Amino acid sequence: MKNAFSALLLLILGFAIYGTTGLVFHEWNAGDICPKIVGIPACYIVLICFVMALIGHLLSGKKGIWIFFLFVGIVTVIASTGTIGELTGTAKCPRTAGGTPMCFISLAICLSLLGAKTAWRQTCTNKIK
């Protein structure tokens, strides 16, 4: 079961990195696609965080877990803020070709990562008493 959760985490992170990389390229070429955080396009920050979360997942021990949760947490805050802004009409997230705000997708990815990593940790730490 541990390997299944680990593979699921790698799959979700791979999807997130792939999708965010495309958005970063669009931002780089066209500009002004992603909202800015302290003058930096949010999609740049999100991509770095997803890559760092992948590194954290691949590292063993508490340091890797800490890195994973820190960087997924950062993206979760960004995605939550964007989602709330979209729902209240105070922010505008980049959209998919179908019109879905990408902050909704990022939030779903983050919640999936947090759930899968928590389940993975539980399978690793369960001890027979």
C-alpha atoms as a PDB file:
ATOM      1  CA  MET A   1       0.000   0.000   0.000  1.00  0.00           C
ATOM      2  CA  LYS A   2       2.894   2.332   0.804  1.00  0.00           C
ATOM      3  CA  ASN A   3       4.201   2.033  -2.760  1.00  0.00           C
ATOM      4  CA  ALA A   4       0.744   2.742  -4.208  1.00  0.00           C
ATOM      5  CA  PHE A   5       0.492   6.013  -2.251  1.00  0.00           C
ATOM      6  CA  SER A   6       4.036   6.933  -3.234  1.00  0.00           C
ATOM      7  CA  ALA A   7       3.247   6.290  -6.913  1.00  0.00           C
ATOM      8  CA  LEU A   8       0.030   8.313  -6.580  1.00  0.00           C
ATOM      9  CA  LEU A   9       1.996  11.212  -5.099  1.00  0.00           C
ATOM     10  CA  LEU A  10       4.520  11.062  -7.947  1.00  0.00           C
ATOM     11  CA  LEU A  11       1.693  10.967 -10.504  1.00  0.00           C
ATOM     12  CA  ILE A  12      -0.113  13.958  -8.984  1.00  0.00           C
ATOM     13  CA  LEU A  13       3.118  15.948  -8.628  1.00  0.00           C
ATOM     14  CA  GLY A  14       4.104  15.099 -12.211  1.00  0.00           C
ATOM     15  CA  PHE A  15       0.714  16.305 -13.466  1.00  0.00           C
ATOM     16  CA  ALA A  16       0.978  19.492 -11.380  1.00  0.00           C
ATOM     17  CA  ILE A  17       4.509  20.269 -12.576  1.00  0.00           C
ATOM     18  CA  TYR A  18       3.598  19.549 -16.199  1.00  0.00           C
ATOM     19  CA  GLY A  19       0.503  21.773 -16.078  1.00  0.00           C
ATOM     20  CA  THR A  20       2.217  24.594 -14.235  1.00  0.00           C
ATOM     21  CA  THR A  21       5.201  24.512 -16.602  1.00  0.00           C
ATOM     22  CA  GLY A  22       2.866  25.175 -19.544  1.00  0.00           C
ATOM     23  CA  LEU A  23       1.347  28.131 -17.710  1.00  0.00           C
ATOM     24  CA  VAL A  24       4.818  29.492 -16.870  1.00  0.00           C
ATOM     25  CA  PHE A  25       5.795  29.322 -20.563  1.00  0.00           C
ATOM     26  CA  HIS A  26       2.644  31.239 -21.508  1.00  0.00           C
ATOM     27  CA  GLU A  27       3.383  33.822 -18.813  1.00  0.00           C
ATOM     28  CA  TRP A  28       6.995  34.114 -19.968  1.00  0.00           C
ATOM     29  CA  ASN A  29       6.016  34.605 -23.629  1.00  0.00           C
ATOM     30  CA  ALA A  30       2.839  36.674 -23.348  1.00  0.00           C
ATOM     31  CA  GLY A  31       3.146  38.178 -19.883  1.00  0.00           C
ATOM     32  CA  ASP A  32       0.389  39.319 -17.563  1.00  0.00           C
ATOM     33  CA  ILE A  33      -1.401  35.949 -17.489  1.00  0.00           C
ATOM     34  CA  CYS A  34      -0.753  35.021 -13.859  1.00  0.00           C
ATOM     35  CA  PRO A  35      -1.638  37.221 -10.895  1.00  0.00           C
ATOM     36  CA  LYS A  36       1.391  38.725  -9.166  1.00  0.00           C
ATOM     37  CA  ILE A  37       2.566  38.121  -5.613  1.00  0.00           C
ATOM     38  CA  VAL A  38       4.997  40.860  -4.573  1.00  0.00           C
ATOM     39  CA  GLY A  39       5.594  41.516  -8.279  1.00  0.00           C
ATOM     40  CA  ILE A  40       6.346  37.845  -9.092  1.00  0.00           C
ATOM     41  CA  PRO A  41       3.884  35.871 -11.237  1.00  0.00           C
ATOM     42  CA  ALA A  42       2.124  33.373  -8.957  1.00  0.00           C
ATOM     43  CA  CYS A  43       2.612  30.576 -11.482  1.00  0.00           C
ATOM     44  CA  TYR A  44       6.419  30.874 -11.058  1.00  0.00           C
ATOM     45  CA  ILE A  45       6.059  30.490  -7.297  1.00  0.00           C
ATOM     46  CA  VAL A  46       3.642  27.570  -7.701  1.00  0.00           C
ATOM     47  CA  LEU A  47       5.996  25.743 -10.084  1.00  0.00           C
ATOM     48  CA  ILE A  48       8.945  26.146  -7.705  1.00  0.00           C
ATOM     49  CA  CYS A  49       6.799  24.917  -4.812  1.00  0.00           C
ATOM     50  CA  PHE A  50       5.607  21.828  -6.702  1.00  0.00           C
ATOM     51  CA  VAL A  51       9.202  20.968  -7.685  1.00  0.00           C
ATOM     52  CA  MET A  52      10.319  21.421  -4.068  1.00  0.00           C
ATOM     53  CA  ALA A  53       7.415  19.228  -2.897  1.00  0.00           C
ATOM     54  CA  LEU A  54       8.607  16.532  -5.326  1.00  0.00           C
ATOM     55  CA  ILE A  55      12.128  16.793  -3.920  1.00  0.00           C
ATOM     56  CA  GLY A  56      10.704  16.623  -0.400  1.00  0.00           C
ATOM     57  CA  HIS A  57       8.746  13.490  -1.285  1.00  0.00           C
ATOM     58  CA  LEU A  58      11.840  11.843  -2.749  1.00  0.00           C
ATOM     59  CA  LEU A  59      13.974  12.654   0.305  1.00  0.00           C
ATOM     60  CA  SER A  60      13.765  10.278   3.206  1.00  0.00           C
ATOM     61  CA  GLY A  61      13.180  11.146   6.819  1.00  0.00           C
ATOM     62  CA  LYS A  62      11.589  14.031   8.638  1.00  0.00           C
ATOM     63  CA  LYS A  63      13.412  16.662   6.592  1.00  0.00           C
ATOM     64  CA  GLY A  64      11.766  15.402   3.385  1.00  0.00           C
ATOM     65  CA  ILE A  65       8.343  15.336   5.023  1.00  0.00           C
ATOM     66  CA  TRP A  66       8.865  18.859   6.368  1.00  0.00           C
ATOM     67  CA  ILE A  67       9.917  20.136   2.916  1.00  0.00           C
ATOM     68  CA  PHE A  68       6.943  18.432   1.252  1.00  0.00           C
ATOM     69  CA  PHE A  69       4.340  19.851   3.620  1.00  0.00           C
ATOM     70  CA  LEU A  70       5.909  23.327   3.666  1.00  0.00           C
ATOM     71  CA  PHE A  71       5.845  23.755  -0.102  1.00  0.00           C
ATOM     72  CA  VAL A  72       2.468  22.094  -0.668  1.00  0.00           C
ATOM     73  CA  GLY A  73       1.190  24.330   2.136  1.00  0.00           C
ATOM     74  CA  ILE A  74       2.420  27.439   0.332  1.00  0.00           C
ATOM     75  CA  VAL A  75       0.625  26.406  -2.862  1.00  0.00           C
ATOM     76  CA  THR A  76      -2.490  25.536  -0.856  1.00  0.00           C
ATOM     77  CA  VAL A  77      -2.566  29.060   0.585  1.00  0.00           C
ATOM     78  CA  ILE A  78      -2.062  30.614  -2.861  1.00  0.00           C
ATOM     79  CA  ALA A  79      -4.721  28.376  -4.447  1.00  0.00           C
ATOM     80  CA  SER A  80      -7.161  28.968  -1.573  1.00  0.00           C
ATOM     81  CA  THR A  81      -6.696  32.720  -1.849  1.00  0.00           C
ATOM     82  CA  GLY A  82      -7.247  32.581  -5.620  1.00  0.00           C
ATOM     83  CA  THR A  83     -10.284  30.336  -5.251  1.00  0.00           C
ATOM     84  CA  ILE A  84     -11.881  32.591  -2.638  1.00  0.00           C
ATOM     85  CA  GLY A  85     -11.085  35.601  -4.840  1.00  0.00           C
ATOM     86  CA  GLU A  86     -12.677  33.920  -7.847  1.00  0.00           C
ATOM     87  CA  LEU A  87     -15.795  32.994  -5.900  1.00  0.00           C
ATOM     88  CA  THR A  88     -16.183  36.492  -4.432  1.00  0.00           C
ATOM     89  CA  GLY A  89     -15.256  38.259  -7.671  1.00  0.00           C
ATOM     90  CA  THR A  90     -12.215  40.016  -6.179  1.00  0.00           C
ATOM     91  CA  ALA A  91      -9.561  38.053  -8.134  1.00  0.00           C
ATOM     92  CA  LYS A  92      -9.148  36.537 -11.571  1.00  0.00           C
ATOM     93  CA  CYS A  93      -7.211  33.287 -12.021  1.00  0.00           C
ATOM     94  CA  PRO A  94      -5.883  32.039 -15.363  1.00  0.00           C
ATOM     95  CA  ARG A  95      -8.368  29.698 -17.026  1.00  0.00           C
ATOM     96  CA  THR A  96      -8.180  26.431 -18.904  1.00  0.00           C
ATOM     97  CA  ALA A  97      -9.332  26.256 -22.516  1.00  0.00           C
ATOM     98  CA  GLY A  98     -12.703  25.128 -21.133  1.00  0.00           C
ATOM     99  CA  GLY A  99     -12.944  28.177 -18.861  1.00  0.00           C
ATOM    100  CA  THR A 100     -12.209  26.529 -15.500  1.00  0.00           C
ATOM    101  CA  PRO A 101     -10.157  28.763 -13.190  1.00  0.00           C
ATOM    102  CA  MET A 102      -6.778  27.111 -12.688  1.00  0.00           C
ATOM    103  CA  CYS A 103      -6.745  28.069  -9.004  1.00  0.00           C
ATOM    104  CA  PHE A 104      -9.639  25.591  -8.540  1.00  0.00           C
ATOM    105  CA  ILE A 105      -7.499  22.872 -10.119  1.00  0.00           C
ATOM    106  CA  SER A 106      -4.460  23.845  -8.026  1.00  0.00           C
ATOM    107  CA  LEU A 107      -6.515  23.669  -4.844  1.00  0.00           C
ATOM    108  CA  ALA A 108      -7.839  20.216  -5.793  1.00  0.00           C
ATOM    109  CA  ILE A 109      -4.286  19.056  -6.541  1.00  0.00           C
ATOM    110  CA  CYS A 110      -3.033  20.396  -3.201  1.00  0.00           C
ATOM    111  CA  LEU A 111      -5.815  18.731  -1.239  1.00  0.00           C
ATOM    112  CA  SER A 112      -5.125  15.465  -3.101  1.00  0.00           C
ATOM    113  CA  LEU A 113      -1.413  15.727  -2.317  1.00  0.00           C
ATOM    114  CA  LEU A 114      -2.059  16.451   1.345  1.00  0.00           C
ATOM    115  CA  GLY A 115      -4.475  13.533   1.615  1.00  0.00           C
ATOM    116  CA  ALA A 116      -2.224  11.087  -0.229  1.00  0.00           C
ATOM    117  CA  LYS A 117       0.880  12.103   1.754  1.00  0.00           C
ATOM    118  CA  THR A 118      -1.006  11.786   5.034  1.00  0.00           C
ATOM    119  CA  ALA A 119      -2.212   8.305   4.022  1.00  0.00           C
ATOM    120  CA  TRP A 120       1.313   7.400   2.876  1.00  0.00           C
ATOM    121  CA  ARG A 121       2.749   8.503   6.227  1.00  0.00           C
ATOM    122  CA  GLN A 122       0.139   6.492   8.110  1.00  0.00           C
ATOM    123  CA  THR A 123       1.009   3.329   6.174  1.00  0.00           C
ATOM    124  CA  CYS A 124       4.702   3.944   6.914  1.00  0.00           C
ATOM    125  CA  THR A 125       4.257   4.575  10.631  1.00  0.00           C
ATOM    126  CA  ASN A 126       1.592   2.007  11.518  1.00  0.00           C
ATOM    127  CA  LYS A 127       3.144  -0.499  13.860  1.00  0.00           C
ATOM    128  CA  ILE A 128       1.684  -3.789  15.000  1.00  0.00           C
ATOM    129  CA  LYS A 129       1.080  -3.641  18.738  1.00  0.00           C
END
